[in-house]
N, C-alpha and C. Protein backbone atom coordinates (compact mmCIF):
# COMPACT_ATOMS: atom_id res chain seq x y z
N MET A 1 -27.12 71.81 29.10
CA MET A 1 -26.00 72.63 28.86
C MET A 1 -25.41 73.59 29.08
N THR A 2 -26.83 74.17 30.20
CA THR A 2 -26.27 75.07 29.67
C THR A 2 -24.80 75.95 31.03
N GLY A 3 -24.38 74.63 31.16
CA GLY A 3 -22.60 75.09 31.86
C GLY A 3 -21.80 75.55 30.96
N GLY A 4 -22.09 75.07 29.40
CA GLY A 4 -21.13 74.97 28.72
C GLY A 4 -20.93 76.52 28.05
N ARG A 5 -22.42 76.89 27.83
CA ARG A 5 -22.61 78.20 27.61
C ARG A 5 -22.70 79.16 27.93
N ASP A 6 -22.51 79.20 29.02
CA ASP A 6 -22.32 80.13 30.07
C ASP A 6 -20.49 80.74 30.16
N VAL A 7 -19.91 79.55 29.99
CA VAL A 7 -18.35 79.91 29.74
C VAL A 7 -17.85 79.96 28.26
N TRP A 8 -18.72 79.89 27.69
CA TRP A 8 -19.08 80.81 26.19
C TRP A 8 -18.77 81.63 26.24
N VAL A 9 -20.05 82.30 26.29
CA VAL A 9 -20.34 84.17 26.16
C VAL A 9 -19.07 85.06 26.77
N PRO A 10 -19.11 84.69 28.36
CA PRO A 10 -17.81 85.41 28.86
C PRO A 10 -16.32 85.78 28.01
N ALA A 11 -16.28 84.36 28.22
CA ALA A 11 -14.87 84.06 26.78
C ALA A 11 -14.93 85.62 24.96
N VAL A 12 -16.26 84.75 24.63
CA VAL A 12 -16.59 85.67 23.54
C VAL A 12 -16.56 87.01 24.39
N ALA A 13 -16.79 87.68 24.33
CA ALA A 13 -17.01 88.84 25.33
C ALA A 13 -15.60 89.21 25.49
N LEU A 14 -14.79 88.64 26.55
CA LEU A 14 -13.31 88.59 26.56
C LEU A 14 -12.99 89.09 25.41
N ALA A 15 -12.17 88.47 24.57
CA ALA A 15 -12.10 87.84 23.35
C ALA A 15 -12.78 89.61 22.62
N VAL A 16 -13.76 89.71 22.36
CA VAL A 16 -13.91 90.66 22.06
C VAL A 16 -13.57 92.29 22.32
N VAL A 17 -13.04 92.80 23.30
CA VAL A 17 -12.93 93.60 24.07
C VAL A 17 -11.77 93.65 24.30
N ALA A 18 -10.66 92.38 24.34
CA ALA A 18 -9.56 92.49 23.57
C ALA A 18 -8.64 92.95 21.99
N ALA A 19 -9.35 93.10 21.36
CA ALA A 19 -9.85 92.80 20.00
C ALA A 19 -9.33 94.26 20.06
N CYS A 20 -10.02 94.66 20.23
CA CYS A 20 -11.07 96.37 20.52
C CYS A 20 -10.11 97.11 21.19
N GLY A 21 -9.17 96.58 22.32
CA GLY A 21 -7.94 97.73 22.83
C GLY A 21 -7.20 97.64 21.98
N ALA A 22 -6.90 96.31 21.48
CA ALA A 22 -5.57 96.31 20.41
C ALA A 22 -5.86 97.30 19.00
N GLY A 23 -7.30 97.27 18.09
CA GLY A 23 -7.12 97.95 17.10
C GLY A 23 -7.59 99.77 17.92
N ALA A 24 -7.18 100.25 19.37
CA ALA A 24 -7.46 101.06 19.57
C ALA A 24 -5.54 101.21 19.55
N ALA A 25 -5.55 100.83 20.45
CA ALA A 25 -3.76 100.71 20.20
C ALA A 25 -3.22 100.65 18.53
N ARG A 26 -3.59 100.87 17.74
CA ARG A 26 -3.21 101.11 16.60
C ARG A 26 -3.55 102.09 15.94
N ARG A 27 -4.33 102.49 16.40
CA ARG A 27 -5.02 104.27 15.95
C ARG A 27 -4.87 105.54 16.86
N LEU A 28 -4.93 105.21 17.75
CA LEU A 28 -3.90 105.63 18.60
C LEU A 28 -2.12 105.81 19.86
N LEU A 29 -1.92 107.12 19.84
CA LEU A 29 -0.69 107.23 19.82
C LEU A 29 -0.55 107.98 21.28
N VAL A 30 0.19 108.00 21.69
CA VAL A 30 0.30 109.28 23.33
C VAL A 30 2.42 109.62 22.43
N VAL A 31 2.52 110.78 22.92
CA VAL A 31 3.82 111.35 22.61
C VAL A 31 3.98 112.18 23.68
N THR A 32 5.57 112.93 23.92
CA THR A 32 5.58 114.04 24.83
C THR A 32 5.75 115.45 24.49
N VAL A 33 5.23 116.22 24.09
CA VAL A 33 6.17 117.97 23.55
C VAL A 33 7.59 118.04 24.46
N ARG A 34 8.90 117.91 23.38
CA ARG A 34 10.13 118.23 23.72
C ARG A 34 10.40 119.48 23.19
N GLY A 35 10.24 120.65 24.19
CA GLY A 35 10.86 122.15 23.54
C GLY A 35 9.71 122.99 23.57
N PRO A 36 9.98 124.61 23.38
CA PRO A 36 9.15 125.26 24.01
C PRO A 36 8.50 125.24 22.37
N SER A 37 8.57 125.14 21.36
CA SER A 37 7.78 125.29 20.14
C SER A 37 6.49 125.66 20.04
N MET A 38 5.42 124.69 20.70
CA MET A 38 4.00 125.16 21.11
C MET A 38 3.54 125.17 22.05
N THR A 39 4.43 126.79 22.58
CA THR A 39 3.70 127.72 23.72
C THR A 39 3.13 128.13 22.83
N PRO A 40 2.21 129.30 23.35
CA PRO A 40 1.63 128.50 24.86
C PRO A 40 0.29 127.18 24.71
N THR A 41 0.10 126.62 23.79
CA THR A 41 -1.09 125.77 23.38
C THR A 41 -0.38 124.68 24.30
N HIS A 42 0.76 124.60 23.91
CA HIS A 42 1.51 122.68 24.48
C HIS A 42 2.95 123.36 25.14
N HIS A 43 3.19 122.70 26.03
CA HIS A 43 4.20 122.80 26.99
C HIS A 43 5.37 121.85 26.72
N HIS A 44 6.54 122.42 27.72
CA HIS A 44 6.64 120.56 27.81
C HIS A 44 7.00 119.96 28.62
N GLY A 45 7.37 118.70 28.43
CA GLY A 45 6.78 117.82 28.92
C GLY A 45 5.38 117.70 28.73
N ASP A 46 4.65 118.71 28.32
CA ASP A 46 3.09 117.69 28.10
C ASP A 46 2.18 116.46 27.18
N ARG A 47 1.95 116.06 27.66
CA ARG A 47 1.39 114.30 27.10
C ARG A 47 0.50 114.58 26.36
N LEU A 48 0.17 113.79 24.99
CA LEU A 48 -0.60 114.34 23.99
C LEU A 48 -0.83 112.99 23.52
N LEU A 49 -2.33 112.80 23.00
CA LEU A 49 -3.07 111.99 22.22
C LEU A 49 -3.54 111.44 21.06
N VAL A 50 -2.99 111.69 20.66
CA VAL A 50 -2.51 111.67 18.94
C VAL A 50 -3.22 110.65 18.30
N ARG A 51 -5.00 110.67 17.77
CA ARG A 51 -5.23 110.15 16.91
C ARG A 51 -4.53 109.32 15.52
N ARG A 52 -3.80 108.35 14.96
CA ARG A 52 -3.41 108.19 13.99
C ARG A 52 -4.09 108.34 12.40
N THR A 53 -3.74 109.51 11.92
CA THR A 53 -4.59 108.91 10.06
C THR A 53 -3.90 110.66 8.94
N ARG A 54 -3.60 110.27 8.66
CA ARG A 54 -3.61 110.91 7.53
C ARG A 54 -4.21 111.99 7.25
N THR A 55 -4.88 112.12 7.20
CA THR A 55 -6.55 113.16 7.08
C THR A 55 -6.53 114.36 8.04
N VAL A 56 -5.71 115.61 7.52
CA VAL A 56 -6.20 116.59 8.66
C VAL A 56 -6.66 117.64 8.13
N ARG A 57 -6.60 118.88 8.97
CA ARG A 57 -7.23 119.94 8.79
C ARG A 57 -6.56 121.03 8.74
N ARG A 58 -6.54 121.97 8.00
CA ARG A 58 -6.11 124.29 8.30
C ARG A 58 -6.52 123.68 10.34
N GLY A 59 -5.55 124.49 10.41
CA GLY A 59 -5.15 124.15 12.01
C GLY A 59 -5.12 123.72 13.73
N GLN A 60 -5.65 122.20 12.46
CA GLN A 60 -5.30 120.76 13.75
C GLN A 60 -3.54 121.15 14.03
N VAL A 61 -3.89 120.91 15.63
CA VAL A 61 -2.25 120.01 16.10
C VAL A 61 -1.73 119.26 15.58
N VAL A 62 -0.79 118.26 14.44
CA VAL A 62 -0.48 117.17 14.24
C VAL A 62 0.93 116.10 14.79
N VAL A 63 1.18 115.28 14.73
CA VAL A 63 2.46 114.77 14.88
C VAL A 63 3.51 113.81 13.90
N VAL A 64 4.30 114.55 13.22
CA VAL A 64 4.82 114.12 11.69
C VAL A 64 6.61 113.72 12.04
N LEU A 65 6.56 112.89 11.44
CA LEU A 65 7.88 112.44 11.15
C LEU A 65 9.64 113.58 10.66
N ARG A 66 10.54 114.20 12.01
CA ARG A 66 11.02 114.58 11.66
C ARG A 66 11.84 114.67 10.27
N PRO A 67 12.29 115.53 9.67
CA PRO A 67 12.96 115.22 8.70
C PRO A 67 14.31 115.53 8.73
N ARG A 68 14.71 114.08 8.19
CA ARG A 68 16.78 113.70 8.30
C ARG A 68 17.77 114.37 8.67
N SER A 69 16.89 115.88 7.68
CA SER A 69 18.47 116.14 7.38
C SER A 69 19.32 117.31 7.96
N PRO A 70 18.51 117.86 8.37
CA PRO A 70 18.63 119.85 8.74
C PRO A 70 19.37 119.68 9.79
N ALA A 71 20.67 119.92 9.82
CA ALA A 71 20.71 120.39 11.91
C ALA A 71 20.68 121.38 12.50
N ILE A 72 19.69 122.05 11.79
CA ILE A 72 18.97 122.82 12.49
C ILE A 72 18.13 123.14 14.39
N TRP A 73 18.02 121.44 14.14
CA TRP A 73 17.25 121.22 15.82
C TRP A 73 18.30 121.34 16.69
N ARG A 74 17.06 121.83 17.61
CA ARG A 74 18.29 122.79 18.74
C ARG A 74 17.29 121.26 20.17
N GLN A 75 16.08 120.95 19.76
CA GLN A 75 15.82 120.28 21.04
C GLN A 75 15.68 119.01 20.62
N ASP A 76 15.97 117.88 21.64
CA ASP A 76 16.09 116.70 21.68
C ASP A 76 16.60 115.78 19.42
N ARG A 77 17.31 116.48 19.45
CA ARG A 77 18.12 115.43 18.52
C ARG A 77 17.52 113.83 18.26
N HIS A 78 17.71 113.33 19.18
CA HIS A 78 17.03 111.79 18.97
C HIS A 78 16.01 111.49 18.85
N SER A 79 14.58 112.28 18.98
CA SER A 79 13.25 112.40 18.83
C SER A 79 13.03 112.31 16.82
N PRO A 80 12.33 111.57 16.90
CA PRO A 80 12.28 110.76 15.19
C PRO A 80 10.68 111.54 15.09
N LEU A 81 9.75 112.49 16.19
CA LEU A 81 8.86 113.41 16.06
C LEU A 81 8.98 114.59 16.53
N ILE A 82 7.93 115.81 15.77
CA ILE A 82 7.55 116.70 16.01
C ILE A 82 5.87 116.84 15.84
N VAL A 83 5.82 117.99 16.98
CA VAL A 83 3.99 118.66 16.74
C VAL A 83 4.23 119.91 16.79
N LYS A 84 3.33 119.87 15.59
CA LYS A 84 2.89 120.87 14.56
C LYS A 84 1.39 121.35 14.16
N ARG A 85 1.28 123.29 14.17
CA ARG A 85 -0.07 123.46 14.18
C ARG A 85 -0.04 123.26 12.22
N VAL A 86 -1.12 122.71 11.93
CA VAL A 86 -1.40 123.32 10.46
C VAL A 86 -1.88 124.39 10.21
N ALA A 87 -1.10 125.24 9.39
CA ALA A 87 -1.30 126.65 8.61
C ALA A 87 -2.20 126.56 7.32
N ALA A 88 -1.59 125.57 6.15
CA ALA A 88 -2.39 125.42 4.83
C ALA A 88 -2.04 123.79 4.29
N MET A 89 -2.73 123.89 4.13
CA MET A 89 -3.62 122.22 3.19
C MET A 89 -2.69 122.60 1.45
N PRO A 90 -2.24 121.20 0.66
CA PRO A 90 -1.99 121.19 0.09
C PRO A 90 -3.21 121.88 -1.99
N GLY A 91 -3.43 122.77 -1.81
CA GLY A 91 -3.39 123.71 -3.17
C GLY A 91 -4.64 124.64 -2.50
N GLU A 92 -4.14 125.05 -0.50
CA GLU A 92 -4.79 126.18 -0.10
C GLU A 92 -3.42 127.75 -0.41
N PRO A 93 -3.54 128.78 -0.78
CA PRO A 93 -2.28 129.89 -0.52
C PRO A 93 -1.36 129.14 0.73
N VAL A 94 -1.00 129.61 0.15
CA VAL A 94 0.52 129.76 1.84
C VAL A 94 0.20 130.96 1.80
N PRO A 95 0.37 131.38 3.31
CA PRO A 95 0.17 132.41 4.10
C PRO A 95 1.22 133.58 4.46
N PRO A 96 1.51 134.24 3.30
CA PRO A 96 2.16 135.24 3.13
C PRO A 96 3.26 135.63 4.56
N GLU A 97 1.67 136.37 4.78
CA GLU A 97 2.29 136.95 6.16
C GLU A 97 3.71 136.27 7.41
N LEU A 98 2.93 134.36 7.16
CA LEU A 98 3.61 133.69 7.75
C LEU A 98 4.86 133.06 6.96
N VAL A 99 4.45 132.84 6.18
CA VAL A 99 5.31 132.13 5.64
C VAL A 99 6.11 132.77 4.20
N PRO A 100 7.03 133.66 4.26
CA PRO A 100 7.11 134.94 3.02
C PRO A 100 7.57 134.00 2.13
N LEU A 101 8.38 133.66 1.88
CA LEU A 101 9.94 132.62 0.94
C LEU A 101 8.44 131.99 0.36
N LEU A 102 7.96 131.02 0.99
CA LEU A 102 7.19 129.68 0.38
C LEU A 102 6.48 130.57 -0.49
N ALA A 103 5.45 131.55 0.14
CA ALA A 103 4.54 132.01 -0.62
C ALA A 103 4.89 132.48 -2.15
N GLU A 104 6.58 132.64 -2.15
CA GLU A 104 6.89 133.09 -3.54
C GLU A 104 6.65 132.18 -4.85
N GLY A 105 7.44 131.37 -4.61
CA GLY A 105 6.80 130.09 -5.54
C GLY A 105 5.50 129.49 -5.55
N HIS A 106 5.66 128.41 -6.47
CA HIS A 106 4.28 127.71 -6.67
C HIS A 106 2.91 128.62 -6.18
N GLU A 107 3.45 129.86 -7.65
CA GLU A 107 2.33 130.02 -7.24
C GLU A 107 1.64 130.67 -6.55
N GLY A 108 2.18 130.52 -5.25
CA GLY A 108 1.50 131.56 -3.90
C GLY A 108 0.92 129.87 -3.34
N ARG A 109 0.49 128.79 -3.73
CA ARG A 109 0.18 127.63 -2.99
C ARG A 109 1.05 126.52 -2.78
N VAL A 110 1.10 125.98 -2.01
CA VAL A 110 0.75 124.78 -1.26
C VAL A 110 0.36 123.51 -2.08
N PRO A 111 1.43 123.41 -2.94
CA PRO A 111 1.91 121.78 -3.76
C PRO A 111 1.34 120.77 -3.76
N PRO A 112 0.61 119.75 -4.08
CA PRO A 112 0.80 118.58 -3.92
C PRO A 112 1.28 118.13 -2.74
N GLY A 113 -0.35 116.90 -2.08
CA GLY A 113 0.99 116.20 -1.39
C GLY A 113 1.85 117.07 0.37
N ARG A 114 1.82 118.10 0.55
CA ARG A 114 2.52 119.11 0.94
C ARG A 114 1.79 119.97 2.02
N LEU A 115 2.60 119.97 3.00
CA LEU A 115 2.01 120.94 4.22
C LEU A 115 2.24 122.13 4.59
N VAL A 116 1.99 123.45 5.26
CA VAL A 116 3.54 124.44 6.20
C VAL A 116 2.54 123.98 7.44
N LEU A 117 3.77 123.94 8.20
CA LEU A 117 2.83 123.18 9.36
C LEU A 117 4.36 124.20 9.93
N LEU A 118 3.67 124.68 11.47
CA LEU A 118 4.16 126.01 11.51
C LEU A 118 4.50 125.60 13.58
N GLY A 119 5.30 126.16 14.44
CA GLY A 119 5.34 126.39 15.51
C GLY A 119 4.13 127.45 16.05
N ASP A 120 3.54 127.23 17.72
CA ASP A 120 2.24 128.13 18.47
C ASP A 120 3.13 129.16 18.00
N ASN A 121 5.12 129.33 18.63
CA ASN A 121 5.68 130.14 19.43
C ASN A 121 6.54 130.21 18.17
N ALA A 122 6.72 131.59 17.16
CA ALA A 122 7.52 131.92 15.98
C ALA A 122 8.66 131.85 16.77
N ALA A 123 9.04 132.57 17.53
CA ALA A 123 10.68 132.43 18.08
C ALA A 123 11.49 131.17 18.56
N ALA A 124 10.42 130.21 19.30
CA ALA A 124 11.80 129.00 19.20
C ALA A 124 11.02 127.75 18.41
N SER A 125 10.31 127.72 17.01
CA SER A 125 9.63 126.94 15.91
C SER A 125 11.58 126.87 14.80
N VAL A 126 11.06 125.43 14.68
CA VAL A 126 11.75 125.06 13.55
C VAL A 126 10.79 124.14 12.99
N ASP A 127 10.09 124.93 11.57
CA ASP A 127 9.05 124.70 11.00
C ASP A 127 9.42 124.52 9.95
N SER A 128 8.28 125.27 9.11
CA SER A 128 8.61 125.09 7.74
C SER A 128 8.44 126.77 7.17
N ARG A 129 9.09 128.24 7.95
CA ARG A 129 9.64 129.58 8.17
C ARG A 129 10.81 128.68 8.08
N GLN A 130 11.72 127.43 8.27
CA GLN A 130 12.94 127.17 7.99
C GLN A 130 13.17 125.48 6.73
N LEU A 131 11.94 125.23 7.22
CA LEU A 131 11.99 124.07 6.11
C LEU A 131 11.65 123.82 4.86
N GLY A 132 10.68 124.53 5.04
CA GLY A 132 9.80 124.57 3.76
C GLY A 132 7.92 123.69 3.77
N PHE A 133 8.05 122.87 3.23
CA PHE A 133 7.14 122.24 3.15
C PHE A 133 7.56 121.02 3.37
N PHE A 134 5.91 120.38 4.13
CA PHE A 134 6.27 119.71 5.43
C PHE A 134 5.84 118.14 3.77
N PRO A 135 6.25 116.63 3.95
CA PRO A 135 4.77 116.05 3.05
C PRO A 135 4.02 115.02 3.94
N LEU A 136 2.90 115.19 3.40
CA LEU A 136 1.49 114.50 3.78
C LEU A 136 1.77 113.55 4.22
N ASP A 137 2.59 112.50 3.82
CA ASP A 137 2.23 110.92 3.44
C ASP A 137 3.67 110.82 5.69
N GLU A 138 4.43 112.28 5.61
CA GLU A 138 4.90 111.51 7.36
C GLU A 138 3.53 111.80 8.25
N VAL A 139 2.85 112.26 8.23
CA VAL A 139 1.72 113.07 9.30
C VAL A 139 1.62 111.74 10.71
N LEU A 140 1.39 111.85 10.96
CA LEU A 140 1.60 110.75 11.67
C LEU A 140 -0.11 110.12 12.22
N GLY A 141 -0.39 111.87 12.95
CA GLY A 141 -1.65 111.99 13.57
C GLY A 141 -2.21 113.01 13.52
N VAL A 142 -3.59 113.16 14.35
CA VAL A 142 -3.75 114.51 14.79
C VAL A 142 -4.03 114.12 16.38
N VAL A 143 -3.36 115.44 16.95
CA VAL A 143 -3.28 115.94 18.47
C VAL A 143 -5.02 116.05 18.39
N THR A 144 -5.79 115.04 19.29
CA THR A 144 -7.25 114.90 19.98
C THR A 144 -7.05 115.79 21.62
N ARG A 145 -6.25 115.58 22.18
CA ARG A 145 -6.34 116.72 23.78
C ARG A 145 -5.04 115.60 24.30
N SER A 146 -4.63 116.74 25.63
CA SER A 146 -3.48 116.76 26.12
C SER A 146 -3.99 115.70 27.35
N LEU A 147 -3.24 114.99 28.30
CA LEU A 147 -3.61 114.06 28.73
C LEU A 147 -2.58 114.49 30.08
N PRO A 148 -3.37 114.02 31.70
CA PRO A 148 -2.70 114.16 32.08
C PRO A 148 -1.59 114.46 32.57
N ARG A 149 -0.83 114.75 33.40
CA ARG A 149 1.15 114.95 33.98
C ARG A 149 1.39 113.48 34.65
N PRO A 150 2.27 113.15 34.76
CA PRO A 150 2.64 111.67 35.80
C PRO A 150 2.49 112.31 37.09
N GLU A 151 2.23 111.81 38.25
CA GLU A 151 2.26 112.23 39.21
C GLU A 151 3.88 112.85 39.70
N GLY A 152 4.35 113.84 40.00
CA GLY A 152 5.24 114.41 40.54
C GLY A 152 6.05 115.09 38.98
N ALA A 153 5.02 114.79 37.83
CA ALA A 153 5.99 116.52 37.15
C ALA A 153 5.26 117.77 36.45
N HIS A 154 6.03 118.06 36.95
CA HIS A 154 5.85 119.79 36.69
C HIS A 154 6.19 120.37 35.59
N ARG A 155 5.55 121.55 35.36
CA ARG A 155 5.66 121.77 33.68
C ARG A 155 6.53 123.34 33.98
N ARG A 156 7.80 123.03 33.24
CA ARG A 156 8.66 124.79 32.58
C ARG A 156 8.00 125.59 32.70
């Protein structure tokens, strides 16, 4: 009866591998940078691997849902996601040298459930300088690394 067992073991192994792959797909996301707001760290067209989480730290690059309201968006108006760096967490002081208007309210601290998000290229970024605090619950995840560009794709 070992013949039946020999078939059963690889089938179980294959099912485990498939389940792990499906779990990874739910925890990981690939996004493409649109626009110059994150240069020099990330450039237009860069592909980023994102780990889905709402647990973030100051200094990390995150992917968040784009706020619905402002007509200020210049780049890729159809993308529901934006890539920004966490400049301050809930309860932390708002960096007055980076976001002076936000530092004036809330006793100079980031309110609960909110973040200060900034693009690395201040001159080309729509971020907390224009939009204020971002909701922490709209963070999709943290950028873990850049991925290779597709064959034939060039950096602008």
